[in-house]
Structure formats: structure tokens, C-alpha cells
Amino acid sequence: MIKVKIKTKNKRITIPVPYVFVNIFSAVLSSKRMVRFANRAIEKEGKVSFRVPQIERKDLKPLLRALSKNKGLLLVETKLKDGTELIVKL
């Protein structure tokens, strides 16, 4: 489970994200329909000549398996000038 912790002066929020949701999200992002939608949106702006590459689902599976094996790994830890902290852990 990926844990996202947000600390502000007044509140602390912890958002648990199960790996099932990460798998579903990766399936949606790697779909041909989403890639076409993203490329059309980029072309509509016309300023940037960048195209989102097609990522195969089979290429993402080893990455997702590795994430589930490395529990406790700290991915992101940042602190803003106003005291807000963001921590992302596996």
C-alpha cells in the first residue's frame, strides 16, 4: 500500500492507496484511448511538439511488482516554505 501523508499547520492527512488502485490506474493510463486523448490535447495547444509514447501494460507489470516488494521505501519527502510537508512511502 502506498501511503501519502500531507502535513500543514492546521491538519494532517494520510491517504492510503492500495496496489489494486495503482494497477487499475496504470491500465487506464497505458490504454490506446488515453494516449490518443493526451496527444490530441497537446496538439491542440500547438506550442509543444511532444507526443506521449505508447506504453505497453506488460512493460509496467515488473515495475508494479517491484513496488509491492519494497515496502517501507521512501519515494518523496518535501517541505515547502510555508511549513507544508508531503511524504510518499511504499
C-alpha atoms as a PDB file:
ATOM      1  CA  MET A   1       0.000   0.000   0.000  1.00  0.00           C
ATOM      2  CA  ILE A   2       1.301   3.436  -0.915  1.00  0.00           C
ATOM      3  CA  LYS A   3       0.880   5.967   1.880  1.00  0.00           C
ATOM      4  CA  VAL A   4       0.658   9.668   1.087  1.00  0.00           C
ATOM      5  CA  LYS A   5       0.989  11.955   4.111  1.00  0.00           C
ATOM      6  CA  ILE A   6       0.281  15.669   3.925  1.00  0.00           C
ATOM      7  CA  LYS A   7       1.043  17.871   6.915  1.00  0.00           C
ATOM      8  CA  THR A   8       0.009  21.501   7.119  1.00  0.00           C
ATOM      9  CA  LYS A   9      -0.077  23.883  10.040  1.00  0.00           C
ATOM     10  CA  ASN A  10      -3.663  23.008  10.902  1.00  0.00           C
ATOM     11  CA  LYS A  11      -4.239  19.497   9.543  1.00  0.00           C
ATOM     12  CA  ARG A  12      -2.588  16.164   8.912  1.00  0.00           C
ATOM     13  CA  ILE A  13      -3.972  13.967   6.177  1.00  0.00           C
ATOM     14  CA  THR A  14      -2.960  10.382   5.402  1.00  0.00           C
ATOM     15  CA  ILE A  15      -4.187   8.840   2.163  1.00  0.00           C
ATOM     16  CA  PRO A  16      -3.657   5.084   1.755  1.00  0.00           C
ATOM     17  CA  VAL A  17      -3.576   3.930  -1.878  1.00  0.00           C
ATOM     18  CA  PRO A  18      -3.885   0.131  -2.307  1.00  0.00           C
ATOM     19  CA  TYR A  19      -1.875  -1.512  -5.069  1.00  0.00           C
ATOM     20  CA  VAL A  20      -5.134  -2.619  -6.702  1.00  0.00           C
ATOM     21  CA  PHE A  21      -5.910   1.033  -7.476  1.00  0.00           C
ATOM     22  CA  VAL A  22      -2.379   1.570  -8.766  1.00  0.00           C
ATOM     23  CA  ASN A  23      -2.809  -1.417 -11.116  1.00  0.00           C
ATOM     24  CA  ILE A  24      -6.166  -0.130 -12.380  1.00  0.00           C
ATOM     25  CA  PHE A  25      -4.756   3.371 -12.855  1.00  0.00           C
ATOM     26  CA  SER A  26      -1.778   2.027 -14.798  1.00  0.00           C
ATOM     27  CA  ALA A  27      -4.104   0.022 -17.044  1.00  0.00           C
ATOM     28  CA  VAL A  28      -6.135   3.128 -17.824  1.00  0.00           C
ATOM     29  CA  LEU A  29      -3.061   5.274 -18.488  1.00  0.00           C
ATOM     30  CA  SER A  30      -1.499   2.702 -20.794  1.00  0.00           C
ATOM     31  CA  SER A  31      -4.634   2.319 -22.907  1.00  0.00           C
ATOM     32  CA  LYS A  32      -4.528   3.458 -26.513  1.00  0.00           C
ATOM     33  CA  ARG A  33      -7.541   5.703 -25.982  1.00  0.00           C
ATOM     34  CA  MET A  34      -5.841   7.702 -23.204  1.00  0.00           C
ATOM     35  CA  VAL A  35      -2.640   8.102 -25.219  1.00  0.00           C
ATOM     36  CA  ARG A  36      -4.620   9.385 -28.213  1.00  0.00           C
ATOM     37  CA  PHE A  37      -6.549  11.772 -25.950  1.00  0.00           C
ATOM     38  CA  ALA A  38      -3.338  13.139 -24.427  1.00  0.00           C
ATOM     39  CA  ASN A  39      -1.681  13.582 -27.829  1.00  0.00           C
ATOM     40  CA  ARG A  40      -4.732  15.416 -29.198  1.00  0.00           C
ATOM     41  CA  ALA A  41      -4.731  17.744 -26.197  1.00  0.00           C
ATOM     42  CA  ILE A  42      -1.039  18.509 -26.717  1.00  0.00           C
ATOM     43  CA  GLU A  43      -1.528  19.131 -30.436  1.00  0.00           C
ATOM     44  CA  LYS A  44      -4.486  21.392 -29.683  1.00  0.00           C
ATOM     45  CA  GLU A  45      -2.222  23.717 -27.725  1.00  0.00           C
ATOM     46  CA  GLY A  46       0.187  23.780 -30.653  1.00  0.00           C
ATOM     47  CA  LYS A  47       3.090  25.186 -28.652  1.00  0.00           C
ATOM     48  CA  VAL A  48       4.917  21.959 -27.846  1.00  0.00           C
ATOM     49  CA  SER A  49       5.805  19.291 -30.383  1.00  0.00           C
ATOM     50  CA  PHE A  50       5.811  16.421 -27.891  1.00  0.00           C
ATOM     51  CA  ARG A  51       3.924  13.167 -28.264  1.00  0.00           C
ATOM     52  CA  VAL A  52       3.119  10.791 -25.423  1.00  0.00           C
ATOM     53  CA  PRO A  53       4.610   7.386 -26.269  1.00  0.00           C
ATOM     54  CA  GLN A  54       2.523   4.234 -26.133  1.00  0.00           C
ATOM     55  CA  ILE A  55       3.447   2.193 -23.043  1.00  0.00           C
ATOM     56  CA  GLU A  56       2.582  -1.473 -23.058  1.00  0.00           C
ATOM     57  CA  ARG A  57       0.896  -2.941 -19.990  1.00  0.00           C
ATOM     58  CA  LYS A  58       3.338  -5.865 -19.967  1.00  0.00           C
ATOM     59  CA  ASP A  59       6.212  -3.378 -19.556  1.00  0.00           C
ATOM     60  CA  LEU A  60       4.588  -1.834 -16.473  1.00  0.00           C
ATOM     61  CA  LYS A  61       3.931  -5.111 -14.650  1.00  0.00           C
ATOM     62  CA  PRO A  62       7.546  -5.665 -13.466  1.00  0.00           C
ATOM     63  CA  LEU A  63       7.608  -2.119 -12.120  1.00  0.00           C
ATOM     64  CA  LEU A  64       4.382  -2.643 -10.184  1.00  0.00           C
ATOM     65  CA  ARG A  65       5.646  -5.956  -8.775  1.00  0.00           C
ATOM     66  CA  ALA A  66       8.865  -4.267  -7.639  1.00  0.00           C
ATOM     67  CA  LEU A  67       6.868  -1.567  -5.881  1.00  0.00           C
ATOM     68  CA  SER A  68       4.952  -4.137  -3.862  1.00  0.00           C
ATOM     69  CA  LYS A  69       8.189  -5.919  -2.834  1.00  0.00           C
ATOM     70  CA  ASN A  70       9.921  -2.791  -1.485  1.00  0.00           C
ATOM     71  CA  LYS A  71       7.583  -1.901   1.363  1.00  0.00           C
ATOM     72  CA  GLY A  72       8.684   0.987   3.546  1.00  0.00           C
ATOM     73  CA  LEU A  73      10.711   2.674   0.806  1.00  0.00           C
ATOM     74  CA  LEU A  74      10.524   6.472   0.966  1.00  0.00           C
ATOM     75  CA  LEU A  75       9.762   7.820  -2.514  1.00  0.00           C
ATOM     76  CA  VAL A  76       9.153  11.530  -1.902  1.00  0.00           C
ATOM     77  CA  GLU A  77       9.787  13.783   1.065  1.00  0.00           C
ATOM     78  CA  THR A  78       9.470  17.518   0.596  1.00  0.00           C
ATOM     79  CA  LYS A  79       8.861  20.567   2.737  1.00  0.00           C
ATOM     80  CA  LEU A  80       7.617  23.911   1.450  1.00  0.00           C
ATOM     81  CA  LYS A  81       8.488  27.337   2.799  1.00  0.00           C
ATOM     82  CA  ASP A  82       5.066  27.687   4.435  1.00  0.00           C
ATOM     83  CA  GLY A  83       5.671  24.525   6.506  1.00  0.00           C
ATOM     84  CA  THR A  84       3.627  22.103   4.410  1.00  0.00           C
ATOM     85  CA  GLU A  85       5.175  18.628   4.196  1.00  0.00           C
ATOM     86  CA  LEU A  86       4.487  15.839   1.702  1.00  0.00           C
ATOM     87  CA  ILE A  87       5.708  12.287   2.292  1.00  0.00           C
ATOM     88  CA  VAL A  88       5.101   9.338  -0.072  1.00  0.00           C
ATOM     89  CA  LYS A  89       6.067   5.862   1.169  1.00  0.00           C
ATOM     90  CA  LEU A  90       5.510   2.366  -0.122  1.00  0.00           C
END
